[in-house]
C-alpha atoms as a PDB file:
ATOM      1  CA  MET A   1       5.534  -4.539  -8.965  1.00  0.00           C
ATOM      2  CA  ILE A   2       8.083  -3.681  -6.782  1.00  0.00           C
ATOM      3  CA  HIS A   3       7.528  -2.384  -3.113  1.00  0.00           C
ATOM      4  CA  ASN A   4       9.815   0.468  -4.256  1.00  0.00           C
ATOM      5  CA  ASP A   5       7.399   1.823  -6.140  1.00  0.00           C
ATOM      6  CA  VAL A   6       4.492   1.488  -3.693  1.00  0.00           C
ATOM      7  CA  LEU A   7       6.060   3.431  -1.241  1.00  0.00           C
ATOM      8  CA  ARG A   8       6.980   6.117  -3.479  1.00  0.00           C
ATOM      9  CA  SER A   9       3.438   5.986  -4.453  1.00  0.00           C
ATOM     10  CA  VAL A  10       2.126   6.210  -1.234  1.00  0.00           C
ATOM     11  CA  ARG A  11       4.806   8.861   0.193  1.00  0.00           C
ATOM     12  CA  TYR A  12       3.853  11.052  -2.792  1.00  0.00           C
ATOM     13  CA  THR A  13      -0.412  10.751  -2.150  1.00  0.00           C
ATOM     14  CA  LEU A  14      -0.164  11.445   1.357  1.00  0.00           C
ATOM     15  CA  ASP A  15       2.995  14.206   1.049  1.00  0.00           C
ATOM     16  CA  LEU A  16       4.986  12.479   3.712  1.00  0.00           C
ATOM     17  CA  HIS A  17       8.483  13.400   3.991  1.00  0.00           C
ATOM     18  CA  GLU A  18      11.343  11.062   4.850  1.00  0.00           C
ATOM     19  CA  THR A  19      11.208  11.697   9.150  1.00  0.00           C
ATOM     20  CA  ARG A  20       6.835  10.846   8.584  1.00  0.00           C
ATOM     21  CA  LEU A  21       7.744   7.694   6.791  1.00  0.00           C
ATOM     22  CA  ILE A  22      10.280   6.495   9.556  1.00  0.00           C
ATOM     23  CA  GLU A  23       7.805   7.262  12.188  1.00  0.00           C
ATOM     24  CA  LEU A  24       5.092   5.261  10.240  1.00  0.00           C
ATOM     25  CA  PHE A  25       7.323   2.267  10.100  1.00  0.00           C
ATOM     26  CA  ALA A  26       7.985   2.829  14.284  1.00  0.00           C
ATOM     27  CA  LEU A  27       4.325   2.564  14.393  1.00  0.00           C
ATOM     28  CA  ALA A  28       4.823  -1.100  12.930  1.00  0.00           C
ATOM     29  CA  ASP A  29       7.692  -1.904  15.787  1.00  0.00           C
ATOM     30  CA  TYR A  30       9.869  -1.907  12.542  1.00  0.00           C
ATOM     31  CA  PRO A  31      12.941   0.833  12.745  1.00  0.00           C
ATOM     32  CA  VAL A  32      14.289   2.010   9.918  1.00  0.00           C
ATOM     33  CA  GLU A  33      17.496   3.768  10.056  1.00  0.00           C
ATOM     34  CA  ARG A  34      17.391   7.177   7.070  1.00  0.00           C
ATOM     35  CA  GLU A  35      20.035   5.828   5.243  1.00  0.00           C
ATOM     36  CA  GLN A  36      18.111   2.611   4.400  1.00  0.00           C
ATOM     37  CA  LEU A  37      15.059   4.584   3.521  1.00  0.00           C
ATOM     38  CA  ASP A  38      16.810   6.680   1.164  1.00  0.00           C
ATOM     39  CA  SER A  39      17.729   3.207  -0.578  1.00  0.00           C
ATOM     40  CA  TRP A  40      14.398   2.024  -0.719  1.00  0.00           C
ATOM     41  CA  LEU A  41      13.322   5.351  -2.121  1.00  0.00           C
ATOM     42  CA  SER A  42      16.115   5.455  -4.574  1.00  0.00           C
ATOM     43  CA  PRO A  43      14.912   5.209  -8.349  1.00  0.00           C
ATOM     44  CA  GLU A  44      15.989   1.590  -9.627  1.00  0.00           C
ATOM     45  CA  GLY A  45      19.391   1.447 -11.278  1.00  0.00           C
ATOM     46  CA  GLU A  46      20.489   4.758  -9.239  1.00  0.00           C
ATOM     47  CA  GLU A  47      23.468   4.080  -7.241  1.00  0.00           C
ATOM     48  CA  GLY A  48      22.514   3.518  -3.858  1.00  0.00           C
ATOM     49  CA  PHE A  49      19.301   1.865  -4.877  1.00  0.00           C
ATOM     50  CA  GLU A  50      18.017  -1.461  -2.343  1.00  0.00           C
ATOM     51  CA  PRO A  51      14.598  -3.297  -3.419  1.00  0.00           C
ATOM     52  CA  CYS A  52      12.557  -2.960  -0.144  1.00  0.00           C
ATOM     53  CA  PRO A  53      11.683  -6.474   0.925  1.00  0.00           C
ATOM     54  CA  ASP A  54       8.561  -7.818   2.213  1.00  0.00           C
ATOM     55  CA  GLU A  55       9.053  -7.670   5.773  1.00  0.00           C
ATOM     56  CA  ALA A  56       9.390  -4.127   5.214  1.00  0.00           C
ATOM     57  CA  MET A  57       6.730  -3.496   2.803  1.00  0.00           C
ATOM     58  CA  ALA A  58       4.126  -5.514   5.429  1.00  0.00           C
ATOM     59  CA  HIS A  59       5.016  -3.607   8.403  1.00  0.00           C
ATOM     60  CA  PHE A  60       5.035  -0.105   5.835  1.00  0.00           C
ATOM     61  CA  LEU A  61       1.214  -1.363   5.833  1.00  0.00           C
ATOM     62  CA  ASN A  62       0.776  -2.054   9.072  1.00  0.00           C
ATOM     63  CA  GLY A  63       1.812   1.293  10.285  1.00  0.00           C
ATOM     64  CA  LEU A  64       0.018   2.766   7.218  1.00  0.00           C
ATOM     65  CA  VAL A  65      -3.122   1.342   8.366  1.00  0.00           C
ATOM     66  CA  ILE A  66      -2.284   2.279  12.435  1.00  0.00           C
ATOM     67  CA  LEU A  67      -1.465   5.853  11.128  1.00  0.00           C
ATOM     68  CA  ARG A  68      -4.894   6.681   9.090  1.00  0.00           C
ATOM     69  CA  ARG A  69      -7.042   4.745  11.710  1.00  0.00           C
ATOM     70  CA  GLY A  70      -5.210   4.391  14.823  1.00  0.00           C
ATOM     71  CA  ARG A  71      -4.272   1.532  17.299  1.00  0.00           C
ATOM     72  CA  ASP A  72      -6.812  -0.475  18.530  1.00  0.00           C
ATOM     73  CA  GLU A  73      -5.332  -1.196  22.271  1.00  0.00           C
ATOM     74  CA  THR A  74      -7.957  -3.951  23.111  1.00  0.00           C
ATOM     75  CA  ARG A  75      -6.847  -6.360  20.399  1.00  0.00           C
ATOM     76  CA  PRO A  76      -3.022  -7.769  19.779  1.00  0.00           C
ATOM     77  CA  PRO A  77      -1.423  -6.237  17.026  1.00  0.00           C
ATOM     78  CA  GLN A  78      -1.696  -7.481  13.638  1.00  0.00           C
ATOM     79  CA  PRO A  79       0.353 -10.396  12.665  1.00  0.00           C
ATOM     80  CA  VAL A  80       3.122  -9.500   9.447  1.00  0.00           C
ATOM     81  CA  GLU A  81       2.033 -11.802   6.492  1.00  0.00           C
ATOM     82  CA  LEU A  82       4.221 -12.750   4.292  1.00  0.00           C
ATOM     83  CA  PRO A  83       4.775 -12.757   0.892  1.00  0.00           C
ATOM     84  CA  VAL A  84       3.448  -9.287   0.025  1.00  0.00           C
ATOM     85  CA  ASN A  85       1.680  -9.994  -3.308  1.00  0.00           C
ATOM     86  CA  ASN A  86      -0.617  -7.010  -5.061  1.00  0.00           C
ATOM     87  CA  ASN A  87      -3.499  -8.245  -3.817  1.00  0.00           C
ATOM     88  CA  MET A  88      -2.436  -7.572   0.242  1.00  0.00           C
ATOM     89  CA  VAL A  89      -1.383  -4.176  -0.598  1.00  0.00           C
ATOM     90  CA  MET A  90      -4.739  -3.306  -2.193  1.00  0.00           C
ATOM     91  CA  LYS A  91      -6.666  -4.399   0.452  1.00  0.00           C
ATOM     92  CA  LYS A  92      -4.207  -2.762   3.469  1.00  0.00           C
ATOM     93  CA  LEU A  93      -4.503   0.524   1.409  1.00  0.00           C
ATOM     94  CA  ARG A  94      -8.828  -0.150   1.060  1.00  0.00           C
ATOM     95  CA  VAL A  95      -8.321  -0.832   5.199  1.00  0.00           C
ATOM     96  CA  ALA A  96      -6.388   1.980   5.373  1.00  0.00           C
ATOM     97  CA  PHE A  97      -8.208   4.883   3.513  1.00  0.00           C
ATOM     98  CA  GLU A  98     -11.589   3.562   4.479  1.00  0.00           C
ATOM     99  CA  LEU A  99     -12.753   2.654   1.353  1.00  0.00           C
ATOM    100  CA  LYS A 100     -16.067   1.090   0.559  1.00  0.00           C
ATOM    101  CA  ASP A 101     -16.729  -0.825  -3.064  1.00  0.00           C
ATOM    102  CA  ASP A 102     -17.843   2.708  -4.777  1.00  0.00           C
ATOM    103  CA  ASP A 103     -14.881   4.530  -3.994  1.00  0.00           C
ATOM    104  CA  MET A 104     -12.499   1.629  -4.974  1.00  0.00           C
ATOM    105  CA  HIS A 105     -14.524   2.168  -8.240  1.00  0.00           C
ATOM    106  CA  LYS A 106     -14.264   5.447  -8.567  1.00  0.00           C
ATOM    107  CA  ILE A 107     -10.907   5.507  -8.025  1.00  0.00           C
ATOM    108  CA  LEU A 108     -10.127   2.982 -10.489  1.00  0.00           C
ATOM    109  CA  ALA A 109     -12.622   4.710 -13.010  1.00  0.00           C
ATOM    110  CA  ALA A 110     -10.213   7.850 -12.391  1.00  0.00           C
ATOM    111  CA  ALA A 111      -7.583   6.235 -13.388  1.00  0.00           C
ATOM    112  CA  ASP A 112      -8.810   5.025 -16.619  1.00  0.00           C
ATOM    113  CA  PHE A 113      -9.150   1.250 -15.177  1.00  0.00           C
ATOM    114  CA  PRO A 114     -12.983   0.379 -14.565  1.00  0.00           C
ATOM    115  CA  LEU A 115     -13.542  -3.078 -12.719  1.00  0.00           C
ATOM    116  CA  SER A 116     -17.163  -4.658 -12.503  1.00  0.00           C
ATOM    117  CA  LYS A 117     -18.115  -5.654  -9.107  1.00  0.00           C
ATOM    118  CA  PRO A 118     -17.344  -9.488  -9.616  1.00  0.00           C
ATOM    119  CA  GLU A 119     -13.653  -8.406 -10.979  1.00  0.00           C
ATOM    120  CA  LEU A 120     -13.111  -6.240  -8.129  1.00  0.00           C
ATOM    121  CA  SER A 121     -14.193  -8.677  -5.544  1.00  0.00           C
ATOM    122  CA  ALA A 122     -12.586 -11.496  -6.488  1.00  0.00           C
ATOM    123  CA  LEU A 123      -9.079  -9.432  -5.709  1.00  0.00           C
ATOM    124  CA  PHE A 124     -10.112  -9.095  -1.963  1.00  0.00           C
ATOM    125  CA  ARG A 125     -11.096 -12.862  -1.908  1.00  0.00           C
ATOM    126  CA  LYS A 126      -9.058 -15.718  -0.751  1.00  0.00           C
ATOM    127  CA  LYS A 127      -5.990 -17.241  -2.119  1.00  0.00           C
ATOM    128  CA  GLY A 128      -7.659 -20.756  -3.321  1.00  0.00           C
ATOM    129  CA  HIS A 129     -10.646 -19.491  -3.560  1.00  0.00           C
ATOM    130  CA  LYS A 130     -12.300 -20.191  -6.794  1.00  0.00           C
ATOM    131  CA  ASN A 131     -13.301 -17.042  -8.056  1.00  0.00           C
ATOM    132  CA  TYR A 132      -9.437 -15.188  -6.556  1.00  0.00           C
ATOM    133  CA  ARG A 133      -8.001 -13.562  -8.971  1.00  0.00           C
ATOM    134  CA  PRO A 134      -4.300 -12.212  -8.518  1.00  0.00           C
ATOM    135  CA  ALA A 135      -4.043  -8.256  -9.161  1.00  0.00           C
ATOM    136  CA  GLY A 136      -2.027  -7.739 -11.841  1.00  0.00           C
ATOM    137  CA  ASP A 137       1.101  -4.663 -11.730  1.00  0.00           C
ATOM    138  CA  GLN A 138      -0.686  -3.005 -14.066  1.00  0.00           C
ATOM    139  CA  LEU A 139      -3.777  -2.637 -11.878  1.00  0.00           C
ATOM    140  CA  LEU A 140      -2.305  -1.781  -9.106  1.00  0.00           C
ATOM    141  CA  ARG A 141      -0.217   0.609 -10.363  1.00  0.00           C
ATOM    142  CA  ARG A 142      -3.826   2.342 -11.669  1.00  0.00           C
ATOM    143  CA  PHE A 143      -5.102   1.969  -8.612  1.00  0.00           C
ATOM    144  CA  LEU A 144      -2.301   4.024  -6.407  1.00  0.00           C
ATOM    145  CA  ARG A 145      -2.490   6.493  -9.360  1.00  0.00           C
ATOM    146  CA  GLY A 146      -6.376   6.753  -8.741  1.00  0.00           C
ATOM    147  CA  LEU A 147      -6.018   7.208  -5.448  1.00  0.00           C
ATOM    148  CA  ALA A 148      -3.392  10.046  -5.609  1.00  0.00           C
ATOM    149  CA  LEU A 149      -5.648  11.741  -7.623  1.00  0.00           C
ATOM    150  CA  ARG A 150      -8.014  11.540  -5.058  1.00  0.00           C
ATOM    151  CA  PHE A 151      -6.141  11.854  -1.975  1.00  0.00           C
ATOM    152  CA  ARG A 152      -3.475  14.248  -3.332  1.00  0.00           C
ATOM    153  CA  GLU A 153      -6.031  17.103  -3.272  1.00  0.00           C
ATOM    154  CA  GLN A 154      -6.824  16.918   0.489  1.00  0.00           C
ATOM    155  CA  VAL A 155      -3.311  16.724   1.651  1.00  0.00           C
END
């Protein structure tokens, strides 16, 4: 799934305006200009569209964690993990929204994509682990949809 879709989906879920998104990037020490953000938020194929790079998405996810949970001043800043894949997006969203396994199951079930406990835990294992499972685009799309259903009501 392209990072632009994740960015737009999280923006919709939390009802964030462009200025708030710029602040979110700044929380992760990644300055973004309004024009750059607009090009990432533009629909694919539209004039001015630019793909959101891995580094920007990694900083966005770190900024989201800081926004939702606060910055821990006793620890050094989180390093940026590259490349950003669907599993990492799900991990960071799980941390940012403080989701437990039951929450994850409910979110996926609400989006008509139920997973068993072993299937879900396989998504959060380290790459290379024998039970690791890569998250597909459809799974991430449904997870983002379920997240929007759950948190959009709270905004």
